[in-house]
Amino acid sequence: MATSTMTRSAAAEIPGGGGGFRRRLLTVFGLGFLILFALIQTVPFVLTVSNSFKCLPGTRQAPEAFIPS
């Protein structure tokens, strides 16, 4: 069985072999977007749970308050 080794110049000729900065930038923006989207989707759930600990007048007075008063 024959084995082959790839030299540095051959690795540079592979399409998509470069662009490490572009890939890292896309990863950072992608993760940032996913985290932002997760926070946006979590806020209504947190508001619902916090409103469940309030009495009815407190819910009507300040429905957007996270901490029941």
Protein backbone atom coordinates (compact mmCIF):
# COMPACT_ATOMS: atom_id res chain seq x y z
CA MET A 1 0.00 0.00 0.00
CA ALA A 2 1.41 3.34 -1.00
CA THR A 3 1.15 6.41 1.16
CA SER A 4 1.47 9.97 0.04
CA THR A 5 2.39 13.08 1.93
CA MET A 6 1.11 16.53 1.15
CA THR A 7 3.63 19.31 0.99
CA ARG A 8 2.90 22.84 2.14
CA SER A 9 2.64 24.16 -1.42
CA ALA A 10 0.11 21.48 -2.34
CA ALA A 11 -2.02 22.37 0.68
CA ALA A 12 -2.10 26.00 -0.41
CA GLU A 13 -3.50 25.01 -3.80
CA ILE A 14 -6.56 23.25 -2.34
CA PRO A 15 -9.69 25.34 -2.94
CA GLY A 16 -11.02 26.64 0.35
CA GLY A 17 -7.76 25.83 2.09
CA GLY A 18 -7.16 29.48 2.94
CA GLY A 19 -9.58 32.02 4.33
CA GLY A 20 -9.06 31.28 8.00
CA PHE A 21 -9.91 34.86 8.94
CA ARG A 22 -13.11 34.79 6.90
CA ARG A 23 -14.18 31.48 8.43
CA ARG A 24 -13.46 32.74 11.96
CA LEU A 25 -15.36 35.97 11.29
CA LEU A 26 -18.34 34.03 9.97
CA THR A 27 -18.24 31.78 13.03
CA VAL A 28 -18.16 34.73 15.42
CA PHE A 29 -21.05 36.50 13.67
CA GLY A 30 -23.01 33.25 13.43
CA LEU A 31 -22.61 32.50 17.12
CA GLY A 32 -23.44 36.10 18.01
CA PHE A 33 -26.63 35.90 15.95
CA LEU A 34 -27.63 32.60 17.55
CA ILE A 35 -27.04 33.94 21.06
CA LEU A 36 -29.02 37.10 20.31
CA PHE A 37 -31.87 35.06 18.83
CA ALA A 38 -31.88 32.76 21.87
CA LEU A 39 -32.13 35.75 24.21
CA ILE A 40 -34.98 37.23 22.19
CA GLN A 41 -36.84 33.93 22.33
CA THR A 42 -36.23 33.54 26.09
CA VAL A 43 -37.57 36.95 27.19
CA PRO A 44 -41.29 36.12 26.75
CA PHE A 45 -40.85 32.93 28.77
CA VAL A 46 -39.12 34.82 31.59
CA LEU A 47 -41.86 37.46 31.59
CA THR A 48 -44.53 34.75 31.77
CA VAL A 49 -42.85 33.04 34.70
CA SER A 50 -42.30 36.32 36.57
CA ASN A 51 -45.93 37.34 35.99
CA SER A 52 -47.11 34.04 37.42
CA PHE A 53 -45.74 35.11 40.83
CA LYS A 54 -47.65 38.40 40.80
CA CYS A 55 -51.19 39.03 41.95
CA LEU A 56 -53.70 40.20 39.33
CA PRO A 57 -53.49 43.95 40.14
CA GLY A 58 -49.68 43.76 40.04
CA THR A 59 -49.82 42.10 36.64
CA ARG A 60 -52.10 44.81 35.28
CA GLN A 61 -50.07 47.63 36.82
CA ALA A 62 -46.63 46.60 35.51
CA PRO A 63 -46.83 43.57 33.17
CA GLU A 64 -43.32 44.12 31.76
CA ALA A 65 -41.56 44.12 35.17
CA PHE A 66 -39.26 41.13 35.62
CA ILE A 67 -39.25 41.26 39.43
CA PRO A 68 -42.63 41.11 41.17
CA SER A 69 -43.15 43.93 43.63
